[in-house]
Amino acid sequence: MKRIAAILTTSVTLALGFALAAATPVAAQKPVHARAPTHAPNANGASNQNRAKDVDRFRGVAQKLGTTPDALETEYLAARQANPKLTHGQFVAANMVAHNLSAKNPNITTQAILDGLKSGKSVGQTLQSLGLSEKEAKEAEATAKREAKQAEHDADKAEKAGGQ
């Protein structure tokens, strides 16, 4: 009986030794501890790094509009829920145009422009349906694009100056 127990113990020890030896090269190739991914998805399925980039793209425009990048990104995500085809550029243009024109034309609002885009119109077509001439609509779009680009440039410049 002792002999059988000794053989079983030896067999089990050898089997475990072989299993351990066989697994060692594989284990050496993988990390010992599981790590959380660096770019963990947030509630919207986007990674934290992507979210930082998304918020960052609103930095200059948000400052120009008197809001925060987070608030603008939240508005963008809500607008994308209503219109999945909405692009970042269209959203920025809608906000910039409304910011520039709403004082003189109270019917030109960000929401009115977003609604026009959702119905399949371009920003220019929407502005014309809100009372602008074709020329005024083109000028408004060009001005908005130029100002958005300048706002981003100014924000980048300020960040570089602050980082040095």
Protein backbone atom coordinates (compact mmCIF):
# COMPACT_ATOMS: atom_id res chain seq x y z
CA MET A 1 0.00 0.00 0.00
CA LYS A 2 2.84 2.35 0.86
CA ARG A 3 4.52 1.39 -2.37
CA ILE A 4 1.41 2.29 -4.42
CA ALA A 5 1.12 5.63 -2.59
CA ALA A 6 4.78 6.37 -3.30
CA ILE A 7 4.35 5.54 -7.00
CA LEU A 8 1.24 7.71 -7.21
CA THR A 9 2.99 10.59 -5.47
CA THR A 10 5.97 10.28 -7.79
CA SER A 11 3.72 10.07 -10.84
CA VAL A 12 1.74 13.12 -9.79
CA THR A 13 4.93 15.05 -9.04
CA LEU A 14 6.39 14.13 -12.42
CA ALA A 15 3.17 15.04 -14.22
CA LEU A 16 3.05 18.41 -12.49
CA GLY A 17 6.73 18.95 -13.24
CA PHE A 18 6.22 18.21 -16.94
CA ALA A 19 3.14 20.43 -17.06
CA LEU A 20 5.05 23.24 -15.38
CA ALA A 21 8.04 22.79 -17.67
CA ALA A 22 5.82 22.83 -20.74
CA ALA A 23 3.97 25.95 -19.61
CA THR A 24 7.05 27.93 -18.57
CA PRO A 25 8.07 29.20 -22.05
CA VAL A 26 4.49 30.31 -22.74
CA ALA A 27 4.18 31.99 -19.36
CA ALA A 28 7.45 33.81 -19.89
CA GLN A 29 5.99 35.45 -22.98
CA LYS A 30 2.94 36.85 -21.25
CA PRO A 31 2.71 39.35 -18.40
CA VAL A 32 2.21 37.83 -14.98
CA HIS A 33 -0.45 40.33 -13.92
CA ALA A 34 -3.40 41.33 -16.00
CA ARG A 35 -3.40 45.06 -16.66
CA ALA A 36 -6.25 47.35 -17.45
CA PRO A 37 -6.00 48.60 -21.01
CA THR A 38 -4.38 52.02 -21.31
CA HIS A 39 -7.17 53.17 -23.56
CA ALA A 40 -10.19 51.80 -21.73
CA PRO A 41 -13.54 52.46 -23.41
CA ASN A 42 -15.81 55.03 -21.83
CA ALA A 43 -19.60 54.89 -21.65
CA ASN A 44 -19.92 55.84 -25.33
CA GLY A 45 -17.56 53.06 -26.41
CA ALA A 46 -14.77 55.50 -27.25
CA SER A 47 -11.41 55.10 -25.62
CA ASN A 48 -10.20 57.62 -23.05
CA GLN A 49 -7.43 58.65 -25.42
CA ASN A 50 -9.92 59.19 -28.25
CA ARG A 51 -12.15 61.18 -25.92
CA ALA A 52 -9.23 63.42 -24.98
CA LYS A 53 -8.55 63.98 -28.68
CA ASP A 54 -12.25 64.73 -29.31
CA VAL A 55 -12.42 67.25 -26.48
CA ASP A 56 -9.12 68.73 -27.64
CA ARG A 57 -10.51 69.42 -31.12
CA PHE A 58 -13.14 71.66 -29.53
CA ARG A 59 -10.66 73.63 -27.41
CA GLY A 60 -10.19 76.71 -29.63
CA VAL A 61 -13.75 76.88 -30.90
CA ALA A 62 -15.12 76.49 -27.39
CA GLN A 63 -13.05 79.43 -26.21
CA LYS A 64 -14.30 81.52 -29.15
CA LEU A 65 -17.89 80.56 -28.34
CA GLY A 66 -17.51 81.24 -24.62
CA THR A 67 -18.02 77.66 -23.49
CA THR A 68 -15.89 74.68 -22.51
CA PRO A 69 -14.53 71.90 -24.75
CA ASP A 70 -16.41 69.34 -22.62
CA ALA A 71 -19.71 71.18 -23.02
CA LEU A 72 -19.21 71.51 -26.76
CA GLU A 73 -18.30 67.84 -27.10
CA THR A 74 -21.42 66.89 -25.13
CA GLU A 75 -23.53 69.01 -27.50
CA TYR A 76 -21.80 67.39 -30.47
CA LEU A 77 -22.51 63.88 -29.18
CA ALA A 78 -26.17 64.80 -28.61
CA ALA A 79 -26.39 66.27 -32.11
CA ARG A 80 -24.82 63.09 -33.52
CA GLN A 81 -27.51 61.07 -31.73
CA ALA A 82 -30.14 63.07 -33.63
CA ASN A 83 -28.17 63.04 -36.92
CA PRO A 84 -25.57 60.26 -37.23
CA LYS A 85 -24.33 61.74 -40.53
CA LEU A 86 -23.33 65.01 -38.85
CA THR A 87 -19.61 65.70 -39.16
CA HIS A 88 -17.37 67.56 -36.74
CA GLY A 89 -16.86 70.27 -39.38
CA GLN A 90 -20.58 70.75 -39.91
CA PHE A 91 -21.16 70.97 -36.18
CA VAL A 92 -18.40 73.56 -35.74
CA ALA A 93 -19.68 75.51 -38.75
CA ALA A 94 -23.24 75.52 -37.37
CA ASN A 95 -22.02 76.87 -34.04
CA MET A 96 -19.69 79.47 -35.53
CA VAL A 97 -22.24 80.73 -38.08
CA ALA A 98 -24.94 80.98 -35.43
CA HIS A 99 -22.53 82.76 -33.11
CA ASN A 100 -21.65 85.27 -35.84
CA LEU A 101 -25.15 85.89 -37.23
CA SER A 102 -27.71 85.33 -34.48
CA ALA A 103 -27.49 88.92 -33.16
CA LYS A 104 -28.62 90.34 -36.53
CA ASN A 105 -30.71 87.34 -37.56
CA PRO A 106 -32.39 85.80 -34.50
CA ASN A 107 -33.81 82.92 -36.55
CA ILE A 108 -30.28 81.71 -37.34
CA THR A 109 -29.45 79.47 -34.40
CA THR A 110 -27.22 76.47 -34.02
CA GLN A 111 -30.29 74.26 -33.66
CA ALA A 112 -31.91 75.69 -36.81
CA ILE A 113 -28.75 74.95 -38.78
CA LEU A 114 -28.43 71.45 -37.28
CA ASP A 115 -32.08 70.80 -38.17
CA GLY A 116 -31.38 71.86 -41.76
CA LEU A 117 -28.40 69.52 -41.92
CA LYS A 118 -30.51 66.69 -40.51
CA SER A 119 -33.07 67.24 -43.27
CA GLY A 120 -30.36 66.75 -45.88
CA LYS A 121 -29.53 70.37 -46.66
CA SER A 122 -26.03 71.81 -46.60
CA VAL A 123 -25.09 74.64 -44.24
CA GLY A 124 -25.37 77.10 -47.16
CA GLN A 125 -28.79 75.81 -48.21
CA THR A 126 -29.98 75.98 -44.63
CA LEU A 127 -28.78 79.57 -44.27
CA GLN A 128 -30.61 80.50 -47.46
CA SER A 129 -33.80 78.90 -46.16
CA LEU A 130 -33.34 81.02 -43.02
CA GLY A 131 -33.31 84.24 -45.05
CA LEU A 132 -29.76 84.82 -46.30
CA SER A 133 -28.88 85.30 -49.93
CA GLU A 134 -26.60 82.78 -51.61
CA LYS A 135 -23.72 85.26 -51.41
CA GLU A 136 -24.35 86.00 -47.72
CA ALA A 137 -24.54 82.27 -46.95
CA LYS A 138 -21.19 81.61 -48.70
CA GLU A 139 -19.58 84.53 -46.88
CA ALA A 140 -20.96 83.37 -43.53
CA GLU A 141 -19.59 79.85 -44.09
CA ALA A 142 -16.19 81.15 -45.19
CA THR A 143 -15.97 83.49 -42.20
CA ALA A 144 -16.97 80.72 -39.80
CA LYS A 145 -14.38 78.35 -41.27
CA ARG A 146 -11.65 80.99 -41.09
CA GLU A 147 -12.52 81.94 -37.50
CA ALA A 148 -12.68 78.32 -36.36
CA LYS A 149 -9.27 77.65 -37.89
CA GLN A 150 -7.85 80.79 -36.28
CA ALA A 151 -9.35 79.85 -32.90
CA GLU A 152 -7.69 76.41 -33.08
CA HIS A 153 -4.40 78.02 -34.09
CA ASP A 154 -4.61 80.49 -31.19
CA ALA A 155 -5.41 77.68 -28.73
CA ASP A 156 -2.45 75.62 -29.98
CA LYS A 157 -0.17 78.64 -29.71
CA ALA A 158 -1.36 79.38 -26.16
CA GLU A 159 -0.86 75.75 -25.14
CA LYS A 160 2.69 75.70 -26.51
CA ALA A 161 3.50 78.99 -24.78
CA GLY A 162 2.08 77.69 -21.48
CA GLY A 163 3.96 74.38 -21.80
CA GLN A 164 7.38 76.02 -22.11
